[in-house]
Amino acid sequence: MMKLLEKSAEEAEQTLWYKINNGLATIADEEEAYKKPRWAYGFAYYIKGADIEKCEEAACKNPKWACWFAHDIKGADIEKCEEAACKDPYWAYEFARHVKGVNIEKCQEAACKDPEWAYAFARGIKGADIEKCRKAVALDDDWAKRFAEDIR
């Protein structure tokens, strides 16, 4: 049974993500890395000599990977990643929470498009404009109540 499993593993197609996670990716795999934001992030993170600008361009096609790219990759263009992350309220909040040198106002504007993340922004981000967050949660009774109870 074990030999059958080993043979199956050897014959299975190895995705780039598999290669990256198992130390099998090389600089020769770079073009493939640009196909998916997660792969571009992983490639830039793990592969010495990766083209950071091209990987960043691919990673920034998804707010989540734009956020983590800015957080983890030396030489990342924070403004470019912030632009991509701020397309989603949750990732705008996470960007402000985890990345140094962000534009708090820009992240807050994006986070305040959703009452839940407006509340979280007011509660967890130093330098947040509390009044802007209060206005963003005002139309949602549940978040407005929590805001009134938790944020002064």
N, C-alpha and C. Protein backbone atom coordinates (compact mmCIF):
# COMPACT_ATOMS: atom_id res chain seq x y z
N MET A 1 0.83 -1.20 0.00
CA MET A 1 0.00 0.00 0.00
C MET A 1 0.87 1.26 0.00
N MET A 2 1.92 1.27 0.81
CA MET A 2 2.79 2.44 0.90
C MET A 2 3.48 2.70 -0.44
N LYS A 3 3.91 1.65 -1.11
CA LYS A 3 4.57 1.80 -2.41
C LYS A 3 3.60 2.40 -3.43
N LEU A 4 2.35 2.00 -3.35
CA LEU A 4 1.34 2.54 -4.25
C LEU A 4 1.15 4.04 -4.00
N LEU A 5 1.11 4.44 -2.73
CA LEU A 5 0.97 5.86 -2.39
C LEU A 5 2.18 6.66 -2.85
N GLU A 6 3.38 6.11 -2.64
CA GLU A 6 4.59 6.80 -3.08
C GLU A 6 4.60 6.98 -4.59
N LYS A 7 4.21 5.94 -5.31
CA LYS A 7 4.18 6.01 -6.76
C LYS A 7 3.15 7.06 -7.21
N SER A 8 1.99 7.09 -6.57
CA SER A 8 0.96 8.07 -6.92
C SER A 8 1.46 9.49 -6.67
N ALA A 9 2.16 9.68 -5.57
CA ALA A 9 2.70 11.01 -5.24
C ALA A 9 3.72 11.45 -6.27
N GLU A 10 4.55 10.54 -6.72
CA GLU A 10 5.56 10.86 -7.71
C GLU A 10 4.94 11.22 -9.06
N GLU A 11 3.83 10.59 -9.38
CA GLU A 11 3.19 10.81 -10.67
C GLU A 11 2.22 11.99 -10.67
N ALA A 12 1.82 12.44 -9.49
CA ALA A 12 0.86 13.54 -9.40
C ALA A 12 1.47 14.84 -9.91
N GLU A 13 0.62 15.64 -10.55
CA GLU A 13 1.08 16.94 -11.03
C GLU A 13 1.39 17.82 -9.82
N GLN A 14 2.51 18.47 -9.87
CA GLN A 14 2.90 19.34 -8.78
C GLN A 14 2.56 20.78 -9.16
N THR A 15 1.64 21.37 -8.44
CA THR A 15 1.31 22.77 -8.69
C THR A 15 2.46 23.63 -8.18
N LEU A 16 2.49 24.84 -8.63
CA LEU A 16 3.54 25.74 -8.15
C LEU A 16 3.42 25.94 -6.65
N TRP A 17 2.20 26.03 -6.14
CA TRP A 17 2.03 26.21 -4.69
C TRP A 17 2.64 25.02 -3.93
N TYR A 18 2.45 23.82 -4.44
CA TYR A 18 3.06 22.63 -3.84
C TYR A 18 4.58 22.77 -3.87
N LYS A 19 5.11 23.17 -5.02
CA LYS A 19 6.56 23.32 -5.15
C LYS A 19 7.10 24.38 -4.18
N ILE A 20 6.40 25.51 -4.09
CA ILE A 20 6.84 26.58 -3.19
C ILE A 20 6.85 26.08 -1.75
N ASN A 21 5.79 25.42 -1.33
CA ASN A 21 5.68 24.95 0.05
C ASN A 21 6.64 23.83 0.41
N ASN A 22 7.14 23.15 -0.59
CA ASN A 22 8.03 22.02 -0.33
C ASN A 22 9.46 22.28 -0.78
N GLY A 23 9.79 23.54 -1.02
CA GLY A 23 11.15 23.92 -1.36
C GLY A 23 11.60 23.41 -2.73
N LEU A 24 10.66 23.17 -3.62
CA LEU A 24 10.99 22.62 -4.93
C LEU A 24 10.94 23.66 -6.05
N ALA A 25 10.40 24.83 -5.77
CA ALA A 25 10.29 25.87 -6.80
C ALA A 25 11.65 26.50 -7.04
N THR A 26 11.87 26.91 -8.27
CA THR A 26 13.11 27.59 -8.63
C THR A 26 12.76 28.86 -9.40
N ILE A 27 13.76 29.65 -9.67
CA ILE A 27 13.55 30.88 -10.42
C ILE A 27 12.96 30.58 -11.79
N ALA A 28 13.16 29.40 -12.30
CA ALA A 28 12.61 29.00 -13.60
C ALA A 28 11.08 28.91 -13.57
N ASP A 29 10.50 28.84 -12.38
CA ASP A 29 9.04 28.75 -12.24
C ASP A 29 8.37 30.13 -12.15
N GLU A 30 9.14 31.18 -12.29
CA GLU A 30 8.61 32.52 -12.02
C GLU A 30 7.41 32.91 -12.89
N GLU A 31 7.45 32.64 -14.17
CA GLU A 31 6.33 33.01 -15.04
C GLU A 31 5.02 32.38 -14.56
N GLU A 32 5.10 31.17 -14.09
CA GLU A 32 3.90 30.50 -13.58
C GLU A 32 3.39 31.19 -12.32
N ALA A 33 4.29 31.76 -11.55
CA ALA A 33 3.91 32.43 -10.29
C ALA A 33 2.97 33.60 -10.54
N TYR A 34 3.07 34.22 -11.69
CA TYR A 34 2.25 35.39 -11.97
C TYR A 34 0.80 35.04 -12.27
N LYS A 35 0.48 33.77 -12.39
CA LYS A 35 -0.87 33.34 -12.75
C LYS A 35 -1.87 33.49 -11.62
N LYS A 36 -1.40 33.40 -10.38
CA LYS A 36 -2.31 33.49 -9.23
C LYS A 36 -1.69 34.38 -8.16
N PRO A 37 -2.49 35.26 -7.54
CA PRO A 37 -1.96 36.16 -6.51
C PRO A 37 -1.24 35.43 -5.37
N ARG A 38 -1.80 34.33 -4.92
CA ARG A 38 -1.19 33.57 -3.81
C ARG A 38 0.17 33.02 -4.22
N TRP A 39 0.28 32.53 -5.44
CA TRP A 39 1.55 32.00 -5.92
C TRP A 39 2.59 33.10 -6.03
N ALA A 40 2.16 34.27 -6.52
CA ALA A 40 3.09 35.39 -6.66
C ALA A 40 3.64 35.81 -5.30
N TYR A 41 2.75 35.87 -4.30
CA TYR A 41 3.19 36.19 -2.94
C TYR A 41 4.20 35.16 -2.45
N GLY A 42 3.84 33.89 -2.55
CA GLY A 42 4.72 32.82 -2.07
C GLY A 42 6.05 32.80 -2.79
N PHE A 43 6.01 33.05 -4.07
CA PHE A 43 7.24 33.06 -4.86
C PHE A 43 8.16 34.18 -4.38
N ALA A 44 7.61 35.38 -4.22
CA ALA A 44 8.41 36.51 -3.75
C ALA A 44 8.95 36.26 -2.34
N TYR A 45 8.16 35.60 -1.52
CA TYR A 45 8.54 35.34 -0.12
C TYR A 45 9.67 34.30 -0.02
N TYR A 46 9.57 33.24 -0.80
CA TYR A 46 10.47 32.11 -0.62
C TYR A 46 11.63 32.01 -1.62
N ILE A 47 11.48 32.61 -2.80
CA ILE A 47 12.46 32.37 -3.85
C ILE A 47 13.42 33.55 -4.00
N LYS A 48 14.66 33.30 -3.70
CA LYS A 48 15.70 34.32 -3.83
C LYS A 48 15.85 34.69 -5.31
N GLY A 49 15.88 35.98 -5.58
CA GLY A 49 16.03 36.44 -6.94
C GLY A 49 14.72 36.68 -7.67
N ALA A 50 13.60 36.50 -6.98
CA ALA A 50 12.29 36.72 -7.61
C ALA A 50 12.17 38.19 -8.01
N ASP A 51 11.49 38.46 -9.09
CA ASP A 51 11.23 39.82 -9.54
C ASP A 51 10.09 40.37 -8.67
N ILE A 52 10.46 41.17 -7.68
CA ILE A 52 9.50 41.66 -6.69
C ILE A 52 8.40 42.49 -7.34
N GLU A 53 8.75 43.34 -8.29
CA GLU A 53 7.74 44.19 -8.93
C GLU A 53 6.69 43.36 -9.69
N LYS A 54 7.13 42.36 -10.42
CA LYS A 54 6.19 41.52 -11.17
C LYS A 54 5.35 40.67 -10.22
N CYS A 55 5.98 40.15 -9.18
CA CYS A 55 5.23 39.37 -8.20
C CYS A 55 4.20 40.25 -7.49
N GLU A 56 4.60 41.47 -7.17
CA GLU A 56 3.69 42.40 -6.51
C GLU A 56 2.49 42.72 -7.41
N GLU A 57 2.75 42.94 -8.67
CA GLU A 57 1.66 43.22 -9.61
C GLU A 57 0.64 42.09 -9.61
N ALA A 58 1.12 40.87 -9.62
CA ALA A 58 0.22 39.71 -9.62
C ALA A 58 -0.47 39.56 -8.26
N ALA A 59 0.26 39.73 -7.17
CA ALA A 59 -0.32 39.59 -5.84
C ALA A 59 -1.40 40.64 -5.59
N CYS A 60 -1.22 41.82 -6.15
CA CYS A 60 -2.17 42.91 -5.92
C CYS A 60 -3.47 42.77 -6.69
N LYS A 61 -3.66 41.66 -7.35
CA LYS A 61 -4.94 41.40 -8.00
C LYS A 61 -5.95 40.87 -6.99
N ASN A 62 -5.50 40.64 -5.77
CA ASN A 62 -6.37 40.14 -4.70
C ASN A 62 -6.06 40.92 -3.43
N PRO A 63 -7.06 41.53 -2.77
CA PRO A 63 -6.81 42.34 -1.58
C PRO A 63 -6.04 41.61 -0.46
N LYS A 64 -6.37 40.35 -0.25
CA LYS A 64 -5.69 39.58 0.80
C LYS A 64 -4.19 39.47 0.54
N TRP A 65 -3.84 39.09 -0.68
CA TRP A 65 -2.43 38.87 -0.98
C TRP A 65 -1.68 40.20 -1.11
N ALA A 66 -2.39 41.26 -1.47
CA ALA A 66 -1.78 42.59 -1.49
C ALA A 66 -1.39 42.98 -0.06
N CYS A 67 -2.27 42.70 0.88
CA CYS A 67 -2.01 43.01 2.29
C CYS A 67 -0.78 42.26 2.80
N TRP A 68 -0.76 40.96 2.57
CA TRP A 68 0.36 40.16 3.09
C TRP A 68 1.65 40.44 2.33
N PHE A 69 1.54 40.80 1.06
CA PHE A 69 2.73 41.17 0.30
C PHE A 69 3.38 42.39 0.95
N ALA A 70 2.59 43.42 1.21
CA ALA A 70 3.12 44.63 1.84
C ALA A 70 3.71 44.33 3.22
N HIS A 71 3.07 43.44 3.94
CA HIS A 71 3.53 43.10 5.29
C HIS A 71 4.83 42.30 5.29
N ASP A 72 4.95 41.37 4.36
CA ASP A 72 6.04 40.39 4.43
C ASP A 72 7.19 40.56 3.45
N ILE A 73 6.99 41.28 2.37
CA ILE A 73 8.00 41.31 1.32
C ILE A 73 8.81 42.60 1.36
N LYS A 74 10.10 42.45 1.56
CA LYS A 74 11.00 43.60 1.59
C LYS A 74 11.01 44.23 0.19
N GLY A 75 10.84 45.54 0.16
CA GLY A 75 10.84 46.25 -1.11
C GLY A 75 9.47 46.40 -1.73
N ALA A 76 8.43 45.97 -1.02
CA ALA A 76 7.06 46.11 -1.54
C ALA A 76 6.70 47.60 -1.63
N ASP A 77 5.93 47.94 -2.62
CA ASP A 77 5.41 49.30 -2.79
C ASP A 77 4.14 49.39 -1.93
N ILE A 78 4.28 50.01 -0.77
CA ILE A 78 3.18 50.06 0.20
C ILE A 78 1.95 50.73 -0.40
N GLU A 79 2.13 51.82 -1.12
CA GLU A 79 0.99 52.53 -1.70
C GLU A 79 0.24 51.66 -2.71
N LYS A 80 0.97 50.96 -3.54
CA LYS A 80 0.33 50.10 -4.55
C LYS A 80 -0.45 48.97 -3.87
N CYS A 81 0.17 48.36 -2.87
CA CYS A 81 -0.50 47.28 -2.14
C CYS A 81 -1.70 47.81 -1.37
N GLU A 82 -1.57 49.00 -0.80
CA GLU A 82 -2.68 49.60 -0.07
C GLU A 82 -3.87 49.85 -1.00
N GLU A 83 -3.59 50.34 -2.18
CA GLU A 83 -4.65 50.58 -3.17
C GLU A 83 -5.43 49.29 -3.42
N ALA A 84 -4.72 48.19 -3.58
CA ALA A 84 -5.36 46.90 -3.84
C ALA A 84 -6.10 46.38 -2.61
N ALA A 85 -5.49 46.47 -1.44
CA ALA A 85 -6.11 45.98 -0.21
C ALA A 85 -7.38 46.75 0.12
N CYS A 86 -7.39 48.04 -0.19
CA CYS A 86 -8.53 48.89 0.17
C CYS A 86 -9.73 48.71 -0.76
N LYS A 87 -9.68 47.73 -1.62
CA LYS A 87 -10.86 47.41 -2.43
C LYS A 87 -11.84 46.56 -1.64
N ASP A 88 -11.44 46.13 -0.46
CA ASP A 88 -12.29 45.31 0.40
C ASP A 88 -12.22 45.85 1.83
N PRO A 89 -13.35 46.13 2.48
CA PRO A 89 -13.33 46.71 3.83
C PRO A 89 -12.52 45.90 4.85
N TYR A 90 -12.68 44.59 4.82
CA TYR A 90 -11.94 43.77 5.78
C TYR A 90 -10.43 43.90 5.57
N TRP A 91 -9.99 43.80 4.32
CA TRP A 91 -8.55 43.85 4.06
C TRP A 91 -7.99 45.26 4.25
N ALA A 92 -8.83 46.28 4.11
CA ALA A 92 -8.39 47.65 4.42
C ALA A 92 -8.09 47.73 5.93
N TYR A 93 -8.97 47.15 6.73
CA TYR A 93 -8.75 47.11 8.18
C TYR A 93 -7.48 46.33 8.51
N GLU A 94 -7.34 45.15 7.92
CA GLU A 94 -6.15 44.33 8.18
C GLU A 94 -4.87 45.03 7.73
N PHE A 95 -4.94 45.74 6.62
CA PHE A 95 -3.78 46.47 6.12
C PHE A 95 -3.35 47.51 7.15
N ALA A 96 -4.31 48.29 7.63
CA ALA A 96 -4.00 49.31 8.64
C ALA A 96 -3.47 48.67 9.92
N ARG A 97 -3.96 47.51 10.23
CA ARG A 97 -3.57 46.80 11.46
C ARG A 97 -2.16 46.21 11.39
N HIS A 98 -1.76 45.72 10.22
CA HIS A 98 -0.52 44.95 10.13
C HIS A 98 0.64 45.61 9.39
N VAL A 99 0.37 46.59 8.55
CA VAL A 99 1.42 47.15 7.70
C VAL A 99 1.87 48.50 8.24
N LYS A 100 3.16 48.67 8.32
CA LYS A 100 3.73 49.95 8.78
C LYS A 100 3.73 50.95 7.64
N GLY A 101 3.50 52.22 7.98
CA GLY A 101 3.58 53.29 6.99
C GLY A 101 2.36 53.44 6.11
N VAL A 102 1.20 53.01 6.60
CA VAL A 102 -0.02 53.09 5.80
C VAL A 102 -0.63 54.48 5.88
N ASN A 103 -1.52 54.75 4.94
CA ASN A 103 -2.32 55.95 4.95
C ASN A 103 -3.60 55.59 5.71
N ILE A 104 -3.64 55.95 6.98
CA ILE A 104 -4.76 55.57 7.85
C ILE A 104 -6.09 56.07 7.29
N GLU A 105 -6.11 57.30 6.78
CA GLU A 105 -7.36 57.86 6.26
C GLU A 105 -7.90 57.03 5.10
N LYS A 106 -7.02 56.63 4.20
CA LYS A 106 -7.45 55.84 3.04
C LYS A 106 -7.99 54.48 3.48
N CYS A 107 -7.27 53.83 4.39
CA CYS A 107 -7.73 52.53 4.89
C CYS A 107 -9.05 52.67 5.63
N GLN A 108 -9.18 53.73 6.41
CA GLN A 108 -10.41 53.95 7.16
C GLN A 108 -11.59 54.18 6.23
N GLU A 109 -11.38 54.96 5.19
CA GLU A 109 -12.45 55.21 4.22
C GLU A 109 -12.98 53.89 3.65
N ALA A 110 -12.05 52.99 3.31
CA ALA A 110 -12.46 51.69 2.76
C ALA A 110 -13.11 50.81 3.83
N ALA A 111 -12.54 50.77 5.01
CA ALA A 111 -13.09 49.94 6.09
C ALA A 111 -14.49 50.40 6.48
N CYS A 112 -14.74 51.69 6.41
CA CYS A 112 -16.03 52.24 6.84
C CYS A 112 -17.15 52.00 5.83
N LYS A 113 -16.88 51.28 4.78
CA LYS A 113 -17.95 50.90 3.85
C LYS A 113 -18.76 49.72 4.39
N ASP A 114 -18.28 49.15 5.48
CA ASP A 114 -18.97 48.04 6.13
C ASP A 114 -19.00 48.33 7.63
N PRO A 115 -20.18 48.35 8.26
CA PRO A 115 -20.27 48.70 9.69
C PRO A 115 -19.38 47.84 10.61
N GLU A 116 -19.28 46.57 10.30
CA GLU A 116 -18.45 45.69 11.15
C GLU A 116 -17.00 46.15 11.16
N TRP A 117 -16.48 46.51 9.99
CA TRP A 117 -15.06 46.89 9.92
C TRP A 117 -14.85 48.34 10.32
N ALA A 118 -15.89 49.15 10.24
CA ALA A 118 -15.82 50.51 10.78
C ALA A 118 -15.68 50.42 12.30
N TYR A 119 -16.47 49.55 12.91
CA TYR A 119 -16.38 49.32 14.36
C TYR A 119 -14.99 48.83 14.73
N ALA A 120 -14.52 47.82 14.02
CA ALA A 120 -13.19 47.25 14.31
C ALA A 120 -12.10 48.29 14.13
N PHE A 121 -12.24 49.12 13.11
CA PHE A 121 -11.24 50.15 12.85
C PHE A 121 -11.19 51.13 14.02
N ALA A 122 -12.34 51.59 14.46
CA ALA A 122 -12.39 52.53 15.58
C ALA A 122 -11.82 51.91 16.85
N ARG A 123 -12.09 50.66 17.04
CA ARG A 123 -11.65 49.98 18.26
C ARG A 123 -10.17 49.60 18.23
N GLY A 124 -9.65 49.26 17.05
CA GLY A 124 -8.32 48.68 17.02
C GLY A 124 -7.21 49.42 16.30
N ILE A 125 -7.53 50.53 15.63
CA ILE A 125 -6.50 51.22 14.87
C ILE A 125 -6.18 52.57 15.49
N LYS A 126 -4.94 52.68 15.92
CA LYS A 126 -4.47 53.93 16.51
C LYS A 126 -4.51 55.02 15.44
N GLY A 127 -5.09 56.16 15.79
CA GLY A 127 -5.18 57.27 14.85
C GLY A 127 -6.47 57.29 14.04
N ALA A 128 -7.37 56.34 14.32
CA ALA A 128 -8.65 56.31 13.60
C ALA A 128 -9.48 57.53 13.95
N ASP A 129 -10.23 58.03 12.99
CA ASP A 129 -11.16 59.12 13.22
C ASP A 129 -12.46 58.48 13.73
N ILE A 130 -12.64 58.57 15.03
CA ILE A 130 -13.76 57.89 15.70
C ILE A 130 -15.11 58.38 15.17
N GLU A 131 -15.23 59.65 14.90
CA GLU A 131 -16.51 60.19 14.41
C GLU A 131 -16.87 59.63 13.04
N LYS A 132 -15.89 59.48 12.16
CA LYS A 132 -16.16 58.88 10.85
C LYS A 132 -16.65 57.44 11.01
N CYS A 133 -16.02 56.73 11.92
CA CYS A 133 -16.44 55.34 12.18
C CYS A 133 -17.84 55.30 12.77
N ARG A 134 -18.13 56.23 13.68
CA ARG A 134 -19.46 56.29 14.32
C ARG A 134 -20.53 56.50 13.25
N LYS A 135 -20.27 57.40 12.30
CA LYS A 135 -21.24 57.65 11.21
C LYS A 135 -21.41 56.41 10.34
N ALA A 136 -20.35 55.67 10.15
CA ALA A 136 -20.41 54.48 9.29
C ALA A 136 -21.24 53.36 9.91
N VAL A 137 -21.27 53.28 11.24
CA VAL A 137 -22.04 52.22 11.89
C VAL A 137 -23.47 52.65 12.24
N ALA A 138 -23.77 53.93 12.08
CA ALA A 138 -25.05 54.48 12.54
C ALA A 138 -26.28 53.82 11.93
N LEU A 139 -26.19 53.35 10.71
CA LEU A 139 -27.36 52.77 10.05
C LEU A 139 -27.58 51.29 10.38
N ASP A 140 -26.69 50.72 11.12
CA ASP A 140 -26.81 49.31 11.51
C ASP A 140 -27.02 49.27 13.02
N ASP A 141 -28.22 48.92 13.45
CA ASP A 141 -28.56 48.98 14.88
C ASP A 141 -27.62 48.16 15.76
N ASP A 142 -27.28 46.96 15.33
CA ASP A 142 -26.42 46.10 16.15
C ASP A 142 -25.03 46.70 16.33
N TRP A 143 -24.42 47.13 15.22
CA TRP A 143 -23.07 47.70 15.32
C TRP A 143 -23.09 49.06 16.01
N ALA A 144 -24.15 49.83 15.81
CA ALA A 144 -24.26 51.13 16.48
C ALA A 144 -24.34 50.93 17.99
N LYS A 145 -25.07 49.91 18.41
CA LYS A 145 -25.19 49.62 19.86
C LYS A 145 -23.84 49.21 20.43
N ARG A 146 -23.16 48.30 19.73
CA ARG A 146 -21.83 47.87 20.19
C ARG A 146 -20.86 49.06 20.26
N PHE A 147 -20.92 49.88 19.23
CA PHE A 147 -20.06 51.05 19.17
C PHE A 147 -20.29 51.94 20.39
N ALA A 148 -21.56 52.22 20.66
CA ALA A 148 -21.90 53.08 21.80
C ALA A 148 -21.43 52.49 23.13
N GLU A 149 -21.48 51.16 23.24
CA GLU A 149 -21.07 50.50 24.48
C GLU A 149 -19.55 50.41 24.64
N ASP A 150 -18.85 50.22 23.53
CA ASP A 150 -17.42 49.90 23.61
C ASP A 150 -16.45 51.02 23.29
N ILE A 151 -16.90 52.02 22.55
CA ILE A 151 -15.96 53.03 22.06
C ILE A 151 -16.36 54.41 22.55
N ARG A 152 -15.42 55.06 23.14
CA ARG A 152 -15.68 56.38 23.72
C ARG A 152 -14.92 57.43 22.97
